[in-house]
Amino acid sequence: MEDFYLYIQFQSKKQKVKLVNPNTNISVLIGNLRQLKDAEGKYIFNMPKMGEDGVPMDYLFGKIDETGHVLLLHSNRGKTEYCLLDYNIKSGDTIELITDPKAG
């Protein structure tokens, strides 16, 4: 299998990231991004678990489709788990990491 790279855009940062397995569930990939560190041991993406207002924060991916609309890439629908390939994401694509506040 060839190397699979994505460009992840989050806030004002865009980072090239190599994925070991593009068939991994999207929620697992987002969890892995939370832990991703640079060579100096600093987190690459600042992904807090709580917003400034104390609301829990989840994250999801979004991609601009060919019509210019944002397609949200959900990790689960019903009992089905989705991966990037289910959304036709290809190596070299740019996807947006989007905050998803959870009202409590």
N, C-alpha and C. Protein backbone atom coordinates (compact mmCIF):
# COMPACT_ATOMS: atom_id res chain seq x y z
N MET A 1 0.84 -1.18 0.00
CA MET A 1 0.00 0.00 0.00
C MET A 1 0.89 1.25 0.00
N GLU A 2 0.55 2.21 -0.86
CA GLU A 2 1.30 3.46 -0.92
C GLU A 2 1.02 4.30 0.31
N ASP A 3 1.94 5.22 0.61
CA ASP A 3 1.73 6.14 1.73
C ASP A 3 0.50 6.99 1.47
N PHE A 4 -0.26 7.28 2.52
CA PHE A 4 -1.49 8.06 2.43
C PHE A 4 -1.30 9.32 3.27
N TYR A 5 -1.32 10.48 2.60
CA TYR A 5 -1.13 11.76 3.26
C TYR A 5 -2.37 12.61 3.12
N LEU A 6 -2.66 13.40 4.15
CA LEU A 6 -3.71 14.40 4.10
C LEU A 6 -3.12 15.73 4.56
N TYR A 7 -3.72 16.79 4.11
CA TYR A 7 -3.44 18.11 4.65
C TYR A 7 -4.60 18.44 5.57
N ILE A 8 -4.30 18.62 6.86
CA ILE A 8 -5.31 18.92 7.86
C ILE A 8 -5.26 20.42 8.14
N GLN A 9 -6.38 21.08 7.93
CA GLN A 9 -6.51 22.51 8.21
C GLN A 9 -7.29 22.65 9.51
N PHE A 10 -6.71 23.36 10.49
CA PHE A 10 -7.40 23.62 11.76
C PHE A 10 -7.00 24.99 12.24
N GLN A 11 -8.02 25.83 12.44
CA GLN A 11 -7.80 27.22 12.81
C GLN A 11 -6.89 27.84 11.76
N SER A 12 -5.75 28.37 12.13
CA SER A 12 -4.88 29.02 11.13
C SER A 12 -3.72 28.11 10.72
N LYS A 13 -3.78 26.84 11.07
CA LYS A 13 -2.67 25.93 10.81
C LYS A 13 -3.08 24.89 9.76
N LYS A 14 -2.17 24.63 8.83
CA LYS A 14 -2.36 23.55 7.85
C LYS A 14 -1.14 22.65 7.96
N GLN A 15 -1.38 21.36 8.17
CA GLN A 15 -0.30 20.42 8.44
C GLN A 15 -0.46 19.17 7.57
N LYS A 16 0.63 18.75 6.95
CA LYS A 16 0.63 17.49 6.21
C LYS A 16 0.79 16.36 7.22
N VAL A 17 -0.11 15.38 7.14
CA VAL A 17 -0.12 14.27 8.10
C VAL A 17 -0.15 12.95 7.33
N LYS A 18 0.73 12.04 7.71
CA LYS A 18 0.74 10.70 7.11
C LYS A 18 -0.18 9.80 7.93
N LEU A 19 -1.10 9.11 7.25
CA LEU A 19 -1.98 8.16 7.92
C LEU A 19 -1.45 6.76 7.71
N VAL A 20 -1.40 5.99 8.77
CA VAL A 20 -0.96 4.60 8.68
C VAL A 20 -2.03 3.76 7.99
N ASN A 21 -3.30 4.03 8.34
CA ASN A 21 -4.39 3.24 7.77
C ASN A 21 -5.60 4.13 7.48
N PRO A 22 -5.84 4.51 6.21
CA PRO A 22 -6.98 5.36 5.89
C PRO A 22 -8.33 4.66 6.08
N ASN A 23 -8.31 3.36 6.39
CA ASN A 23 -9.55 2.63 6.67
C ASN A 23 -9.96 2.71 8.14
N THR A 24 -9.17 3.40 8.95
CA THR A 24 -9.49 3.55 10.36
C THR A 24 -10.71 4.44 10.53
N ASN A 25 -11.55 4.14 11.51
CA ASN A 25 -12.73 4.95 11.80
C ASN A 25 -12.33 6.41 12.02
N ILE A 26 -13.15 7.32 11.52
CA ILE A 26 -12.85 8.74 11.60
C ILE A 26 -12.67 9.20 13.05
N SER A 27 -13.47 8.71 13.97
CA SER A 27 -13.33 9.15 15.37
C SER A 27 -11.98 8.73 15.94
N VAL A 28 -11.46 7.59 15.53
CA VAL A 28 -10.12 7.15 15.97
C VAL A 28 -9.05 8.07 15.38
N LEU A 29 -9.21 8.43 14.11
CA LEU A 29 -8.24 9.33 13.48
C LEU A 29 -8.21 10.68 14.19
N ILE A 30 -9.38 11.21 14.54
CA ILE A 30 -9.43 12.49 15.23
C ILE A 30 -8.78 12.37 16.61
N GLY A 31 -9.03 11.27 17.30
CA GLY A 31 -8.37 11.03 18.59
C GLY A 31 -6.85 10.98 18.44
N ASN A 32 -6.38 10.38 17.35
CA ASN A 32 -4.94 10.32 17.10
C ASN A 32 -4.37 11.71 16.82
N LEU A 33 -5.13 12.55 16.12
CA LEU A 33 -4.67 13.92 15.85
C LEU A 33 -4.51 14.71 17.14
N ARG A 34 -5.38 14.43 18.10
CA ARG A 34 -5.30 15.09 19.41
C ARG A 34 -3.95 14.84 20.08
N GLN A 35 -3.38 13.67 19.83
CA GLN A 35 -2.12 13.25 20.46
C GLN A 35 -0.88 13.53 19.62
N LEU A 36 -1.05 14.01 18.40
CA LEU A 36 0.06 14.20 17.47
C LEU A 36 0.98 15.32 17.94
N LYS A 37 2.28 15.00 18.04
CA LYS A 37 3.28 15.97 18.52
C LYS A 37 4.35 16.19 17.47
N ASP A 38 4.97 17.37 17.53
CA ASP A 38 6.07 17.67 16.63
C ASP A 38 7.37 17.12 17.21
N ALA A 39 8.48 17.41 16.54
CA ALA A 39 9.79 16.89 16.96
C ALA A 39 10.20 17.39 18.35
N GLU A 40 9.66 18.54 18.77
CA GLU A 40 10.00 19.09 20.08
C GLU A 40 9.04 18.63 21.18
N GLY A 41 8.10 17.77 20.83
CA GLY A 41 7.18 17.25 21.83
C GLY A 41 5.95 18.11 22.09
N LYS A 42 5.73 19.14 21.25
CA LYS A 42 4.56 20.00 21.41
C LYS A 42 3.42 19.47 20.54
N TYR A 43 2.19 19.59 21.05
CA TYR A 43 1.03 19.16 20.27
C TYR A 43 0.92 19.99 19.00
N ILE A 44 0.71 19.34 17.88
CA ILE A 44 0.60 20.04 16.61
C ILE A 44 -0.72 20.81 16.52
N PHE A 45 -1.80 20.18 16.95
CA PHE A 45 -3.11 20.82 16.92
C PHE A 45 -3.57 21.06 18.35
N ASN A 46 -4.00 22.28 18.64
CA ASN A 46 -4.55 22.59 19.95
C ASN A 46 -6.02 22.23 19.91
N MET A 47 -6.36 21.05 20.44
CA MET A 47 -7.73 20.53 20.39
C MET A 47 -8.25 20.33 21.81
N PRO A 48 -8.67 21.41 22.46
CA PRO A 48 -9.14 21.27 23.85
C PRO A 48 -10.40 20.41 23.94
N LYS A 49 -10.52 19.74 25.07
CA LYS A 49 -11.70 18.91 25.32
C LYS A 49 -12.89 19.75 25.77
N MET A 50 -12.60 20.95 26.30
CA MET A 50 -13.65 21.85 26.76
C MET A 50 -13.45 23.21 26.09
N GLY A 51 -14.58 23.84 25.70
CA GLY A 51 -14.52 25.18 25.15
C GLY A 51 -14.31 26.19 26.25
N GLU A 52 -14.06 27.44 25.88
CA GLU A 52 -13.83 28.51 26.86
C GLU A 52 -15.05 28.70 27.76
N ASP A 53 -16.22 28.35 27.25
CA ASP A 53 -17.46 28.51 28.03
C ASP A 53 -17.80 27.26 28.85
N GLY A 54 -16.89 26.28 28.87
CA GLY A 54 -17.10 25.07 29.65
C GLY A 54 -17.89 23.98 28.95
N VAL A 55 -18.24 24.21 27.69
CA VAL A 55 -19.00 23.21 26.92
C VAL A 55 -18.03 22.17 26.36
N PRO A 56 -18.34 20.87 26.51
CA PRO A 56 -17.47 19.83 25.94
C PRO A 56 -17.35 19.98 24.42
N MET A 57 -16.13 19.77 23.92
CA MET A 57 -15.86 19.92 22.49
C MET A 57 -15.55 18.57 21.86
N ASP A 58 -16.26 18.27 20.79
CA ASP A 58 -15.91 17.16 19.92
C ASP A 58 -15.38 17.77 18.63
N TYR A 59 -14.88 16.92 17.76
CA TYR A 59 -14.34 17.38 16.49
C TYR A 59 -14.81 16.45 15.38
N LEU A 60 -14.94 17.02 14.20
CA LEU A 60 -15.25 16.21 13.03
C LEU A 60 -14.51 16.80 11.84
N PHE A 61 -14.50 16.07 10.75
CA PHE A 61 -13.83 16.53 9.53
C PHE A 61 -14.87 17.12 8.58
N GLY A 62 -14.42 18.07 7.80
CA GLY A 62 -15.24 18.63 6.73
C GLY A 62 -14.39 18.77 5.48
N LYS A 63 -15.04 18.70 4.34
CA LYS A 63 -14.35 18.85 3.06
C LYS A 63 -15.24 19.65 2.13
N ILE A 64 -14.64 20.55 1.39
CA ILE A 64 -15.38 21.31 0.39
C ILE A 64 -15.58 20.40 -0.82
N ASP A 65 -16.85 20.19 -1.21
CA ASP A 65 -17.10 19.32 -2.37
C ASP A 65 -16.96 20.11 -3.67
N GLU A 66 -17.17 19.44 -4.79
CA GLU A 66 -16.97 20.07 -6.09
C GLU A 66 -17.94 21.22 -6.37
N THR A 67 -19.05 21.30 -5.61
CA THR A 67 -20.00 22.40 -5.79
C THR A 67 -19.73 23.55 -4.85
N GLY A 68 -18.70 23.43 -3.99
CA GLY A 68 -18.35 24.49 -3.06
C GLY A 68 -19.02 24.38 -1.70
N HIS A 69 -19.79 23.32 -1.49
CA HIS A 69 -20.45 23.11 -0.20
C HIS A 69 -19.57 22.30 0.74
N VAL A 70 -19.73 22.52 2.03
CA VAL A 70 -18.97 21.77 3.02
C VAL A 70 -19.66 20.43 3.26
N LEU A 71 -18.94 19.36 3.08
CA LEU A 71 -19.42 18.01 3.37
C LEU A 71 -18.86 17.62 4.73
N LEU A 72 -19.74 17.34 5.70
CA LEU A 72 -19.29 16.90 7.02
C LEU A 72 -19.07 15.40 7.00
N LEU A 73 -17.92 14.98 7.49
CA LEU A 73 -17.55 13.56 7.49
C LEU A 73 -17.80 13.00 8.88
N HIS A 74 -18.92 12.34 9.04
CA HIS A 74 -19.30 11.76 10.33
C HIS A 74 -18.66 10.39 10.50
N SER A 75 -18.30 10.06 11.73
CA SER A 75 -17.65 8.77 11.99
C SER A 75 -18.66 7.64 12.11
N ASN A 76 -19.87 7.94 12.55
CA ASN A 76 -20.89 6.90 12.72
C ASN A 76 -22.24 7.40 12.23
N ARG A 77 -22.99 6.52 11.66
CA ARG A 77 -24.40 6.77 11.34
C ARG A 77 -25.12 5.48 11.67
N GLY A 78 -25.94 5.56 12.68
CA GLY A 78 -26.56 4.32 13.15
C GLY A 78 -25.48 3.44 13.73
N LYS A 79 -25.42 2.20 13.29
CA LYS A 79 -24.41 1.27 13.79
C LYS A 79 -23.24 1.12 12.83
N THR A 80 -23.22 1.90 11.76
CA THR A 80 -22.17 1.81 10.75
C THR A 80 -21.06 2.80 11.06
N GLU A 81 -19.82 2.31 11.09
CA GLU A 81 -18.67 3.18 11.30
C GLU A 81 -18.09 3.55 9.93
N TYR A 82 -17.70 4.82 9.79
CA TYR A 82 -17.18 5.30 8.53
C TYR A 82 -15.71 5.68 8.63
N CYS A 83 -15.01 5.50 7.52
CA CYS A 83 -13.62 5.93 7.41
C CYS A 83 -13.53 6.96 6.29
N LEU A 84 -12.37 7.53 6.09
CA LEU A 84 -12.19 8.56 5.07
C LEU A 84 -12.49 8.03 3.67
N LEU A 85 -12.11 6.79 3.41
CA LEU A 85 -12.34 6.22 2.08
C LEU A 85 -13.83 6.09 1.76
N ASP A 86 -14.67 5.95 2.79
CA ASP A 86 -16.12 5.90 2.58
C ASP A 86 -16.64 7.22 2.00
N TYR A 87 -15.92 8.30 2.24
CA TYR A 87 -16.29 9.62 1.74
C TYR A 87 -15.47 10.02 0.51
N ASN A 88 -14.79 9.06 -0.08
CA ASN A 88 -13.99 9.28 -1.29
C ASN A 88 -12.85 10.28 -1.07
N ILE A 89 -12.29 10.28 0.14
CA ILE A 89 -11.12 11.11 0.43
C ILE A 89 -9.89 10.39 -0.10
N LYS A 90 -9.08 11.13 -0.84
CA LYS A 90 -7.89 10.54 -1.46
C LYS A 90 -6.62 11.13 -0.84
N SER A 91 -5.55 10.40 -0.97
CA SER A 91 -4.26 10.89 -0.51
C SER A 91 -3.96 12.22 -1.19
N GLY A 92 -3.52 13.19 -0.39
CA GLY A 92 -3.21 14.53 -0.90
C GLY A 92 -4.34 15.52 -0.74
N ASP A 93 -5.55 15.05 -0.36
CA ASP A 93 -6.68 15.95 -0.15
C ASP A 93 -6.45 16.82 1.09
N THR A 94 -7.11 17.96 1.11
CA THR A 94 -7.13 18.83 2.28
C THR A 94 -8.49 18.70 2.94
N ILE A 95 -8.47 18.43 4.24
CA ILE A 95 -9.72 18.39 4.99
C ILE A 95 -9.61 19.32 6.19
N GLU A 96 -10.75 19.82 6.58
CA GLU A 96 -10.84 20.78 7.68
C GLU A 96 -11.20 20.03 8.95
N LEU A 97 -10.53 20.34 10.03
CA LEU A 97 -10.89 19.83 11.35
C LEU A 97 -11.81 20.87 11.98
N ILE A 98 -13.04 20.47 12.31
CA ILE A 98 -14.08 21.40 12.74
C ILE A 98 -14.47 21.09 14.18
N THR A 99 -14.58 22.15 15.00
CA THR A 99 -15.06 21.96 16.37
C THR A 99 -16.56 21.70 16.33
N ASP A 100 -17.02 20.84 17.24
CA ASP A 100 -18.42 20.45 17.33
C ASP A 100 -18.84 20.49 18.79
N PRO A 101 -19.24 21.69 19.30
CA PRO A 101 -19.62 21.79 20.70
C PRO A 101 -20.83 20.92 21.03
N LYS A 102 -20.78 20.27 22.17
CA LYS A 102 -21.88 19.39 22.62
C LYS A 102 -22.65 20.09 23.73
N ALA A 103 -23.86 20.47 23.43
CA ALA A 103 -24.70 21.11 24.43
C ALA A 103 -25.05 20.09 25.52
N GLY A 104 -25.06 20.54 26.76
CA GLY A 104 -25.32 19.63 27.85
C GLY A 104 -26.49 20.02 28.59
